[in-house]
Protein backbone atom coordinates (compact mmCIF):
# COMPACT_ATOMS: atom_id res chain seq x y z
CA MET A 1 -74.81 -121.40 -107.71
CA GLU A 2 -76.32 -118.08 -108.73
CA HIS A 3 -76.19 -117.07 -112.41
CA THR A 4 -74.03 -114.11 -113.33
CA ARG A 5 -75.35 -111.36 -115.63
CA ILE A 6 -73.71 -111.26 -118.99
CA LYS A 7 -72.67 -107.62 -118.56
CA ASP A 8 -70.50 -108.65 -115.65
CA LEU A 9 -69.11 -111.72 -117.33
CA LEU A 10 -67.94 -109.74 -120.32
CA LYS A 11 -65.88 -107.54 -117.99
CA SER A 12 -64.55 -110.50 -115.94
CA GLU A 13 -60.93 -111.60 -115.79
CA GLU A 14 -61.67 -114.77 -113.65
CA PHE A 15 -60.74 -117.30 -116.35
CA GLY A 16 -61.17 -120.85 -115.29
CA LYS A 17 -64.07 -119.96 -112.93
CA GLU A 18 -67.29 -121.99 -113.16
CA VAL A 19 -70.18 -119.78 -114.14
CA ILE A 20 -73.89 -120.08 -114.98
CA VAL A 21 -75.51 -117.96 -117.61
CA LYS A 22 -79.22 -117.54 -118.21
CA GLY A 23 -80.66 -115.75 -121.20
CA TRP A 24 -82.26 -115.94 -124.65
CA VAL A 25 -80.63 -117.38 -127.69
CA ARG A 26 -79.89 -114.86 -130.42
CA THR A 27 -78.17 -117.34 -132.74
CA PHE A 28 -76.98 -120.96 -132.73
CA ARG A 29 -74.33 -121.72 -135.31
CA ASN A 30 -72.74 -124.93 -136.46
CA ASN A 31 -74.47 -126.92 -133.71
CA GLN A 32 -71.78 -125.51 -131.48
CA PHE A 33 -71.79 -121.71 -130.82
CA ILE A 34 -74.67 -120.17 -128.87
CA ALA A 35 -74.94 -116.32 -128.82
CA ILE A 36 -76.86 -115.61 -125.54
CA ASN A 37 -78.28 -112.23 -124.38
CA ASP A 38 -79.95 -111.54 -121.01
CA GLY A 39 -80.81 -107.92 -121.48
CA SER A 40 -78.11 -106.67 -119.14
CA THR A 41 -76.11 -105.32 -122.19
CA ILE A 42 -76.57 -105.03 -126.00
CA ASN A 43 -73.60 -107.44 -126.31
CA ASN A 44 -74.10 -111.22 -126.39
CA ILE A 45 -71.78 -113.85 -124.71
CA GLN A 46 -70.85 -116.84 -126.69
CA ALA A 47 -71.23 -120.34 -125.23
CA VAL A 48 -69.37 -123.18 -126.94
CA VAL A 49 -71.21 -126.47 -126.73
CA ASP A 50 -69.52 -129.81 -126.87
CA PHE A 51 -72.13 -131.13 -129.35
CA GLU A 52 -70.70 -134.67 -129.44
CA ASN A 53 -71.51 -135.08 -125.74
CA THR A 54 -74.82 -133.13 -125.71
CA ALA A 55 -78.10 -134.85 -126.24
CA ASP A 56 -79.68 -134.41 -129.69
CA GLU A 57 -83.03 -133.45 -128.12
CA ILE A 58 -81.31 -130.55 -126.34
CA LEU A 59 -79.41 -129.33 -129.42
CA LYS A 60 -82.60 -129.36 -131.40
CA ARG A 61 -84.26 -127.10 -128.79
CA ILE A 62 -81.47 -124.41 -128.91
CA THR A 63 -83.32 -122.17 -131.25
CA THR A 64 -83.46 -118.38 -131.68
CA GLY A 65 -85.66 -116.89 -128.96
CA ALA A 66 -85.46 -119.91 -126.62
CA ALA A 67 -84.41 -119.23 -122.99
CA VAL A 68 -81.45 -121.37 -121.90
CA ARG A 69 -79.34 -122.02 -118.85
CA VAL A 70 -75.70 -122.73 -119.57
CA GLN A 71 -73.21 -123.97 -116.95
CA GLY A 72 -69.54 -123.98 -117.85
CA VAL A 73 -66.14 -122.40 -117.53
CA LEU A 74 -65.23 -118.79 -118.38
CA VAL A 75 -62.32 -118.84 -120.75
CA GLU A 76 -60.46 -116.47 -123.06
CA SER A 77 -62.04 -116.61 -126.54
CA GLN A 78 -60.18 -118.17 -129.31
CA GLY A 79 -62.33 -116.50 -132.02
CA LYS A 80 -62.67 -113.00 -133.16
CA GLY A 81 -65.22 -110.52 -131.94
CA GLN A 82 -65.27 -111.40 -128.19
CA ARG A 83 -62.74 -111.43 -125.42
CA VAL A 84 -64.36 -114.13 -123.25
CA GLU A 85 -66.70 -116.99 -123.82
CA VAL A 86 -68.24 -119.85 -121.79
CA LYS A 87 -67.05 -123.41 -122.43
CA ALA A 88 -70.32 -125.22 -121.71
CA THR A 89 -70.39 -128.37 -119.62
CA GLU A 90 -74.19 -128.47 -119.20
CA VAL A 91 -77.02 -126.84 -121.27
CA SER A 92 -80.67 -126.94 -120.33
CA ILE A 93 -83.72 -125.32 -121.92
CA ILE A 94 -85.79 -123.01 -119.62
CA GLY A 95 -88.32 -122.02 -122.25
CA ASP A 96 -88.74 -123.34 -125.81
CA SER A 97 -89.20 -121.04 -128.93
CA ASP A 98 -90.68 -122.51 -132.12
CA PRO A 99 -88.24 -121.38 -134.84
CA GLU A 100 -91.01 -121.45 -137.45
CA LYS A 101 -93.21 -119.06 -135.53
CA TYR A 102 -90.70 -116.73 -133.71
CA PRO A 103 -90.84 -113.42 -135.72
CA LEU A 104 -87.40 -112.13 -134.69
CA GLN A 105 -85.17 -114.16 -136.95
CA PRO A 106 -81.37 -113.54 -136.93
CA LYS A 107 -81.43 -110.93 -139.77
CA LYS A 108 -82.01 -107.17 -140.07
CA HIS A 109 -85.73 -106.18 -139.52
CA SER A 110 -87.18 -102.82 -140.47
CA LEU A 111 -88.35 -100.46 -137.74
CA GLU A 112 -91.81 -100.61 -139.25
CA PHE A 113 -92.01 -104.26 -138.83
CA LEU A 114 -90.66 -104.12 -135.29
CA ARG A 115 -93.43 -101.65 -134.40
CA GLU A 116 -95.97 -104.25 -135.34
CA ILE A 117 -94.39 -106.66 -132.75
CA ALA A 118 -93.55 -104.03 -130.14
CA HIS A 119 -93.97 -106.69 -127.38
CA LEU A 120 -90.93 -108.46 -128.77
CA ARG A 121 -88.79 -105.62 -130.14
CA PHE A 122 -87.08 -105.04 -126.68
CA ARG A 123 -85.02 -108.23 -127.54
CA THR A 124 -83.23 -106.52 -130.45
CA GLY A 125 -79.93 -104.65 -130.06
CA THR A 126 -81.50 -101.39 -131.24
CA PHE A 127 -84.27 -101.33 -128.73
CA ASN A 128 -82.10 -102.60 -125.90
CA ALA A 129 -79.95 -99.54 -126.56
CA VAL A 130 -82.83 -97.11 -126.98
CA PHE A 131 -84.62 -98.07 -123.74
CA LYS A 132 -81.36 -98.16 -121.73
CA VAL A 133 -80.78 -94.54 -122.78
CA ARG A 134 -84.39 -93.68 -122.01
CA ASN A 135 -83.97 -95.24 -118.56
CA ALA A 136 -80.75 -93.22 -118.00
CA LEU A 137 -82.40 -89.95 -119.08
CA ALA A 138 -85.39 -90.56 -116.75
CA PHE A 139 -83.01 -91.23 -113.83
CA ALA A 140 -81.01 -88.12 -114.71
CA VAL A 141 -84.14 -85.94 -114.75
CA ASN A 142 -85.00 -86.93 -111.16
CA LYS A 143 -81.35 -86.62 -110.10
CA PHE A 144 -81.06 -83.19 -111.57
CA PHE A 145 -84.09 -81.73 -109.66
CA ASN A 146 -83.22 -83.67 -106.51
CA GLU A 147 -79.76 -82.02 -106.43
CA ARG A 148 -81.41 -78.65 -106.74
CA ASP A 149 -83.90 -79.41 -103.86
CA PHE A 150 -87.04 -79.46 -106.06
CA VAL A 151 -90.13 -81.30 -104.74
CA TYR A 152 -91.43 -84.06 -106.95
CA MET A 153 -95.15 -83.53 -107.25
CA HIS A 154 -97.48 -86.13 -108.63
CA THR A 155 -100.22 -84.17 -110.39
CA PRO A 156 -103.45 -85.84 -111.37
CA ILE A 157 -103.99 -87.92 -114.54
CA ILE A 158 -107.73 -87.26 -114.53
CA THR A 159 -108.64 -83.54 -114.42
CA GLY A 160 -111.58 -81.25 -114.94
CA SER A 161 -109.53 -78.55 -116.65
CA ASP A 162 -107.85 -77.96 -119.99
CA ALA A 163 -104.47 -76.46 -119.15
CA GLU A 164 -103.63 -75.58 -122.80
CA GLY A 165 -107.12 -74.34 -123.80
CA ALA A 166 -106.81 -76.29 -127.02
CA GLY A 167 -109.73 -78.68 -126.30
CA GLU A 168 -107.82 -81.76 -127.71
CA MET A 169 -108.70 -84.03 -124.79
CA PHE A 170 -109.63 -87.55 -124.11
CA GLN A 171 -112.80 -87.70 -122.11
CA VAL A 172 -113.12 -89.92 -119.07
CA THR A 173 -116.56 -91.32 -118.29
CA THR A 174 -118.34 -94.37 -116.68
CA LEU A 175 -121.70 -93.36 -118.30
CA ASP A 176 -123.46 -95.84 -120.56
CA LEU A 177 -122.46 -94.59 -123.97
CA ASN A 178 -125.46 -96.31 -125.59
CA ASN A 179 -127.97 -94.57 -123.31
CA PRO A 180 -126.34 -91.66 -121.47
CA PRO A 181 -128.40 -89.58 -119.03
CA ARG A 182 -129.55 -86.17 -120.55
CA THR A 183 -130.62 -82.85 -119.12
CA GLU A 184 -133.90 -81.17 -120.06
CA SER A 185 -132.19 -79.47 -122.98
CA GLY A 186 -130.94 -82.77 -124.29
CA ALA A 187 -127.20 -82.37 -123.36
CA ILE A 188 -125.41 -85.25 -121.61
CA ASP A 189 -125.92 -84.92 -117.88
CA PHE A 190 -122.43 -85.23 -116.44
CA LYS A 191 -123.78 -84.75 -112.98
CA GLU A 192 -124.69 -88.45 -113.21
CA ASP A 193 -121.10 -89.36 -114.13
CA PHE A 194 -118.56 -90.86 -111.66
CA PHE A 195 -117.05 -87.54 -110.76
CA GLY A 196 -120.27 -85.53 -111.03
CA LYS A 197 -118.84 -83.39 -113.85
CA ALA A 198 -117.14 -83.76 -117.20
CA THR A 199 -113.48 -84.93 -116.81
CA ASN A 200 -110.67 -85.78 -119.15
CA LEU A 201 -107.11 -87.13 -119.28
CA THR A 202 -104.60 -84.43 -118.45
CA VAL A 203 -102.84 -82.53 -121.16
CA SER A 204 -100.39 -80.99 -118.66
CA GLY A 205 -99.58 -80.96 -114.92
CA GLN A 206 -98.70 -77.35 -115.06
CA LEU A 207 -101.76 -75.68 -113.43
CA GLU A 208 -101.65 -78.04 -110.42
CA GLY A 209 -97.86 -77.59 -110.40
CA GLU A 210 -98.38 -73.83 -110.03
CA LEU A 211 -100.46 -74.44 -106.92
CA ALA A 212 -97.63 -76.51 -105.30
CA ALA A 213 -94.88 -73.98 -106.40
CA MET A 214 -96.88 -71.31 -104.38
CA ALA A 215 -96.07 -73.34 -101.29
CA PHE A 216 -92.89 -75.23 -101.89
CA GLY A 217 -91.09 -72.71 -104.09
CA ASN A 218 -89.58 -75.18 -106.61
CA ILE A 219 -91.46 -78.31 -107.75
CA TYR A 220 -91.53 -80.57 -110.82
CA THR A 221 -93.85 -83.09 -112.28
CA PHE A 222 -92.80 -85.99 -114.55
CA GLY A 223 -95.61 -88.10 -115.73
CA PRO A 224 -97.85 -89.14 -118.67
CA THR A 225 -99.92 -86.59 -120.50
CA PHE A 226 -102.50 -87.09 -123.30
CA ARG A 227 -103.45 -85.18 -126.42
CA ALA A 228 -106.39 -86.25 -128.66
CA GLU A 229 -104.68 -84.60 -131.62
CA ASN A 230 -105.25 -86.43 -134.84
CA SER A 231 -101.57 -86.16 -135.92
CA ASN A 232 -100.09 -89.19 -137.65
CA THR A 233 -96.57 -87.88 -137.85
CA THR A 234 -93.12 -89.10 -136.71
CA ARG A 235 -93.13 -86.42 -133.95
CA HIS A 236 -96.52 -86.86 -132.32
CA LEU A 237 -97.99 -89.31 -129.80
CA ALA A 238 -101.41 -89.35 -128.19
CA GLU A 239 -99.87 -90.48 -124.85
CA PHE A 240 -96.40 -89.21 -123.92
CA TRP A 241 -94.39 -88.14 -120.84
CA MET A 242 -93.73 -84.62 -119.82
CA ILE A 243 -91.14 -83.06 -117.46
CA GLU A 244 -92.73 -79.84 -116.01
CA PRO A 245 -90.98 -77.79 -113.34
CA GLU A 246 -92.71 -74.75 -111.80
CA MET A 247 -90.69 -72.17 -109.82
CA ALA A 248 -91.84 -69.33 -107.57
CA PHE A 249 -89.77 -66.12 -107.80
CA TYR A 250 -88.33 -67.13 -111.21
CA GLU A 251 -88.50 -64.70 -114.16
CA LEU A 252 -87.97 -65.48 -117.80
CA GLU A 253 -84.12 -65.38 -117.64
CA ASP A 254 -84.06 -67.83 -114.67
CA ASN A 255 -86.45 -70.12 -116.53
CA MET A 256 -84.24 -70.20 -119.60
CA ASP A 257 -81.15 -70.85 -117.52
CA LEU A 258 -82.75 -73.77 -115.72
CA ALA A 259 -84.06 -75.37 -118.94
CA GLU A 260 -80.66 -75.15 -120.60
CA ASP A 261 -78.93 -76.58 -117.56
CA LEU A 262 -81.41 -79.53 -117.41
CA LEU A 263 -80.99 -80.44 -121.04
CA LYS A 264 -77.19 -80.33 -120.86
CA TYR A 265 -77.14 -82.32 -117.61
CA VAL A 266 -79.32 -85.18 -118.75
CA ILE A 267 -77.59 -85.58 -122.08
CA SER A 268 -74.26 -85.54 -120.34
CA TYR A 269 -75.49 -88.16 -117.90
CA ALA A 270 -76.64 -90.45 -120.77
CA LEU A 271 -73.28 -90.10 -122.56
CA GLU A 272 -71.37 -90.97 -119.35
CA ASN A 273 -73.66 -93.89 -118.28
CA CYS A 274 -74.59 -95.46 -121.72
CA PRO A 275 -71.34 -95.29 -123.71
CA GLU A 276 -71.84 -98.68 -125.30
CA GLU A 277 -75.50 -98.00 -126.24
CA ILE A 278 -74.86 -94.59 -127.68
CA GLU A 279 -71.86 -95.89 -129.62
CA PHE A 280 -74.11 -98.62 -131.00
CA LEU A 281 -76.87 -96.11 -131.91
CA LYS A 282 -74.22 -93.85 -133.53
CA ASN A 283 -73.03 -96.61 -135.82
CA ARG A 284 -76.64 -97.65 -136.52
CA LEU A 285 -77.41 -94.09 -137.66
CA LEU A 286 -74.23 -93.83 -139.80
CA GLU A 287 -75.20 -97.06 -141.45
CA GLU A 288 -78.74 -95.76 -142.10
CA GLU A 289 -77.52 -92.48 -143.57
CA LYS A 290 -75.39 -94.31 -146.19
CA SER A 291 -78.56 -94.76 -148.23
CA LYS A 292 -79.21 -90.98 -148.26
CA PRO A 293 -77.82 -88.39 -150.73
CA GLN A 294 -74.68 -86.70 -149.33
CA ALA A 295 -76.55 -83.35 -148.95
CA ASP A 296 -79.15 -85.01 -146.68
CA ARG A 297 -76.62 -86.61 -144.28
CA SER A 298 -75.87 -85.11 -140.93
CA GLU A 299 -72.70 -82.99 -140.63
CA LEU A 300 -72.14 -84.48 -137.13
CA ASN A 301 -72.37 -88.13 -135.94
CA LEU A 302 -74.66 -88.82 -132.93
CA ILE A 303 -72.00 -88.43 -130.24
CA GLU A 304 -70.59 -85.21 -131.89
CA LYS A 305 -74.10 -83.81 -132.01
CA LEU A 306 -74.75 -84.60 -128.28
CA ASN A 307 -71.41 -83.02 -127.27
CA PHE A 308 -72.19 -80.04 -129.51
CA VAL A 309 -75.38 -79.33 -127.43
CA ILE A 310 -73.47 -79.79 -124.15
CA ASP A 311 -70.50 -77.56 -125.16
CA ASN A 312 -72.35 -74.60 -126.71
CA ASP A 313 -74.39 -71.82 -125.08
CA PHE A 314 -77.88 -71.82 -126.53
CA GLU A 315 -78.62 -68.82 -128.79
CA ARG A 316 -81.32 -66.57 -127.26
CA VAL A 317 -83.38 -64.72 -129.84
CA THR A 318 -86.70 -62.88 -129.71
CA TYR A 319 -89.60 -64.01 -131.85
CA THR A 320 -89.47 -60.56 -133.68
CA GLU A 321 -85.78 -61.09 -134.52
CA ALA A 322 -86.54 -64.63 -135.64
CA VAL A 323 -89.30 -63.55 -138.02
CA ASP A 324 -87.05 -60.92 -139.57
CA ILE A 325 -84.32 -63.62 -140.15
CA LEU A 326 -86.92 -66.06 -141.66
CA GLN A 327 -88.49 -63.43 -143.89
CA LYS A 328 -85.14 -62.55 -145.43
CA SER A 329 -84.03 -66.27 -145.64
CA LYS A 330 -83.49 -68.00 -149.04
CA PRO A 331 -86.15 -70.65 -148.47
CA ASN A 332 -88.75 -67.96 -147.76
CA GLN A 333 -87.80 -65.79 -150.69
CA LYS A 334 -87.58 -68.66 -153.08
CA LYS A 335 -90.94 -70.06 -151.70
CA GLN A 336 -89.31 -73.29 -150.55
CA PHE A 337 -90.97 -73.20 -147.19
CA LYS A 338 -94.35 -74.95 -147.16
CA TYR A 339 -95.60 -72.13 -144.79
CA LEU A 340 -94.23 -68.78 -146.02
CA ILE A 341 -93.46 -66.19 -143.43
CA GLU A 342 -95.44 -63.17 -144.55
CA GLY A 343 -94.71 -61.02 -141.47
CA TRP A 344 -94.96 -60.52 -137.74
CA GLY A 345 -97.70 -62.68 -136.07
CA ALA A 346 -97.06 -65.92 -138.03
CA ASP A 347 -97.19 -69.13 -136.05
CA LEU A 348 -93.76 -70.70 -136.54
CA GLN A 349 -93.80 -74.22 -137.91
CA SER A 350 -91.16 -76.95 -137.40
CA GLU A 351 -89.58 -76.11 -140.84
CA HIS A 352 -89.01 -72.55 -139.60
CA GLU A 353 -87.63 -73.70 -136.22
CA ARG A 354 -85.29 -76.17 -137.90
CA TYR A 355 -84.02 -73.51 -140.25
CA LEU A 356 -83.10 -71.24 -137.44
CA VAL A 357 -81.29 -74.08 -135.52
CA GLU A 358 -79.71 -76.04 -138.36
CA LYS A 359 -78.98 -73.47 -141.06
CA HIS A 360 -78.82 -70.04 -139.48
CA PHE A 361 -77.44 -70.28 -135.99
CA LYS A 362 -76.24 -73.87 -136.16
CA LYS A 363 -76.80 -74.48 -132.47
CA PRO A 364 -79.79 -74.88 -130.12
CA VAL A 365 -81.97 -71.69 -130.06
CA ILE A 366 -84.17 -70.22 -127.27
CA LEU A 367 -86.93 -68.12 -128.82
CA THR A 368 -88.64 -65.57 -126.59
CA ASP A 369 -91.40 -62.93 -126.47
CA TYR A 370 -93.97 -64.42 -128.89
CA PRO A 371 -97.23 -62.64 -130.01
CA ARG A 372 -99.82 -62.98 -127.29
CA GLU A 373 -102.46 -64.24 -129.75
CA ILE A 374 -100.56 -67.44 -130.59
CA LYS A 375 -99.69 -68.47 -127.03
CA SER A 376 -101.59 -69.83 -123.99
CA PHE A 377 -103.68 -67.64 -121.68
CA TYR A 378 -101.50 -68.06 -118.55
CA MET A 379 -98.30 -66.43 -120.04
CA LYS A 380 -97.13 -63.11 -118.61
CA GLN A 381 -97.88 -60.19 -120.86
CA ASN A 382 -95.13 -57.73 -121.82
CA PRO A 383 -95.76 -54.03 -122.06
CA VAL A 384 -97.08 -53.07 -125.49
CA ASP A 385 -94.11 -52.32 -127.73
CA ALA A 386 -93.53 -49.18 -129.87
CA GLN A 387 -95.42 -50.74 -132.85
CA GLY A 388 -98.42 -51.50 -130.59
CA ARG A 389 -97.77 -55.17 -130.61
CA ASN A 390 -98.68 -57.44 -127.73
CA THR A 391 -96.23 -60.08 -126.71
CA VAL A 392 -95.86 -62.58 -123.85
CA ARG A 393 -92.82 -63.78 -121.86
CA ALA A 394 -92.77 -67.21 -123.55
CA MET A 395 -89.68 -69.22 -124.31
CA ASP A 396 -89.28 -72.23 -126.68
CA ILE A 397 -86.00 -74.17 -126.97
CA LEU A 398 -85.40 -75.51 -130.49
CA PHE A 399 -83.04 -78.46 -131.21
CA PRO A 400 -81.51 -79.75 -134.43
CA GLY A 401 -83.61 -82.44 -136.13
CA ILE A 402 -86.41 -82.05 -133.59
CA GLY A 403 -87.64 -78.51 -133.60
CA GLU A 404 -89.39 -77.60 -130.31
CA MET A 405 -87.86 -79.44 -127.34
CA VAL A 406 -89.03 -77.16 -124.52
CA GLY A 407 -92.02 -74.77 -124.28
CA GLY A 408 -92.32 -72.51 -121.27
CA SER A 409 -92.96 -68.99 -120.00
CA GLN A 410 -93.05 -66.66 -117.08
CA ARG A 411 -96.64 -67.00 -115.78
CA GLU A 412 -99.04 -64.00 -115.45
CA GLU A 413 -99.24 -63.25 -111.79
CA ASN A 414 -101.57 -60.31 -112.06
CA LEU A 415 -105.16 -61.44 -111.33
CA GLU A 416 -106.97 -58.81 -113.36
CA LYS A 417 -104.82 -59.40 -116.43
CA LEU A 418 -105.25 -63.12 -116.10
CA ILE A 419 -109.05 -62.89 -115.74
CA THR A 420 -109.26 -60.53 -118.76
CA ARG A 421 -107.20 -62.91 -120.84
CA MET A 422 -109.25 -65.93 -119.83
CA GLY A 423 -112.36 -64.06 -121.00
CA GLU A 424 -110.77 -63.22 -124.34
CA VAL A 425 -109.97 -66.88 -125.07
CA GLY A 426 -113.29 -68.22 -123.65
CA ILE A 427 -112.01 -69.98 -120.52
CA PRO A 428 -114.87 -69.78 -117.81
CA THR A 429 -113.36 -68.36 -114.58
CA GLU A 430 -115.96 -70.08 -112.39
CA GLU A 431 -114.26 -73.54 -113.24
CA MET A 432 -110.85 -72.14 -112.41
CA GLU A 433 -111.37 -70.35 -109.14
CA TRP A 434 -108.85 -72.68 -107.43
CA PHE A 435 -106.21 -71.60 -109.95
CA LEU A 436 -107.05 -67.96 -109.63
CA ASP A 437 -106.58 -68.24 -105.85
CA THR A 438 -102.82 -68.40 -106.44
CA ARG A 439 -103.06 -64.89 -107.74
CA ARG A 440 -105.38 -63.73 -104.94
CA PHE A 441 -103.28 -64.83 -101.97
CA GLY A 442 -99.64 -63.90 -102.02
CA SER A 443 -99.07 -63.79 -105.81
CA VAL A 444 -95.47 -63.73 -106.91
CA PRO A 445 -93.58 -63.80 -110.24
CA HIS A 446 -93.18 -67.45 -111.16
CA SER A 447 -92.25 -69.42 -114.22
CA GLY A 448 -92.07 -72.97 -115.60
CA PHE A 449 -91.66 -75.09 -118.70
CA GLY A 450 -92.39 -78.46 -120.21
CA VAL A 451 -90.10 -80.91 -121.87
CA GLY A 452 -91.55 -83.59 -124.10
CA PHE A 453 -89.58 -86.58 -122.70
CA GLU A 454 -89.88 -88.65 -125.89
CA ARG A 455 -88.46 -85.84 -127.98
CA LEU A 456 -85.52 -85.74 -125.60
CA VAL A 457 -85.09 -89.47 -126.03
CA LEU A 458 -85.49 -89.13 -129.81
CA PHE A 459 -82.60 -86.54 -129.90
CA THR A 460 -80.31 -88.49 -127.60
CA THR A 461 -80.74 -91.79 -129.43
CA GLY A 462 -80.66 -90.43 -133.01
CA MET A 463 -83.91 -92.30 -133.77
CA THR A 464 -86.10 -90.60 -136.32
CA ASN A 465 -89.61 -91.77 -135.32
CA ILE A 466 -91.10 -90.92 -131.88
CA ARG A 467 -92.93 -94.26 -131.91
CA ASP A 468 -89.59 -95.94 -131.49
CA VAL A 469 -88.59 -94.31 -128.26
CA ILE A 470 -91.71 -95.18 -126.14
CA PRO A 471 -92.41 -98.81 -125.23
CA PHE A 472 -95.98 -99.05 -126.56
CA PRO A 473 -96.85 -96.03 -128.72
CA ARG A 474 -100.45 -94.66 -128.66
CA THR A 475 -101.24 -93.00 -131.99
CA PRO A 476 -104.42 -92.45 -134.01
CA LYS A 477 -106.09 -95.86 -134.66
CA ASN A 478 -103.45 -97.65 -132.71
CA ALA A 479 -103.64 -98.82 -129.10
CA GLU A 480 -102.06 -102.26 -129.30
CA PHE A 481 -100.69 -104.22 -126.33
């Protein structure tokens, strides 16, 4: 007889039916009650053991973390807390777990401790819920773009270009680091390397995505990206996943509409398809917030916050308007911001972004038309304004508790303007001829954006540290597992 997954048994009405359950022991109480979980749900099923007719050597091996097979009859539960349970007729051990050494004891563990045993934290209720929601969001991303006839393009992990121009890249090499080949000038000779040139892990699939958009019209990439940024914060990872669509014939307004639609769609999908998990995470967050002062607690619970994003139009504001709001704000005037806004041209920090979203507009905000100097080289330049200021057709979407969720822009389709801008920021055009060809042969207005997938998972689960929403976090001085 095949075993039945616990998720299905908990919904079953077939009382009196013989069933087999396989899973891991969460707890074993009074030599009688086994709480079993098989990963199909955050909820356990209880198996009631007839301990008087079960061998002592079996009872001793029913320990937290052990894998068991229980055969028995599905019955209505007599106790509180569960609707059904299994009256066991046979219990066997599939895999033992030494209770003295198993680190996940049946008690509350801190998230910091669980990060140290990330290979086992999937077995907890919290991480079962988090990664089920992550799974739903990933599926919803692909579903959203497929329904809109986008082509899923797999862009390279190893590249010879720096899409962001920031230089924070992980180098890829097969050279002997103890004795690398050198040129006559003493520099490392990358012509001797595997690819015959210097290469690195990708920081973005955007540039390659633009090439595909110039043939297919609408494409998206969804894959891992890497930043060698020495940021040990709750919002940064060295390896993370990015959703990056690129669309031909899209201008800035179209870009903003698509990004807003995507975020609302995937969050709605998670709410509809992970109700138990999100309810669990909502209650977890409420419990966590009890230790905070009242003023620091969220006005909305997790489910209310997710519905708030779905139900409200995002506020669209120019950078110039935002700077004016921030300059006049109480935190700026009372010098409570860590980075004070002195005037136009300031690079907005997460504290400014969160003020706009959480205090001023109290809804997600789309900021547009940033100063050219603080944005990437490929963004379309606006005409110089009346004050002689240069801006670009950029757009960032800011979320409560997160700050920047989406960064995007209309791309500069004018070849001369793009070459001039690359020269200004020191990007050699000879290495980017392939990219410039998109502007030489049938150039069109086009746009795109990037969504940091882990930030989306962070927001949807209510977790507060980005290391808790990716299975195996890669951060400075940490590449375990």
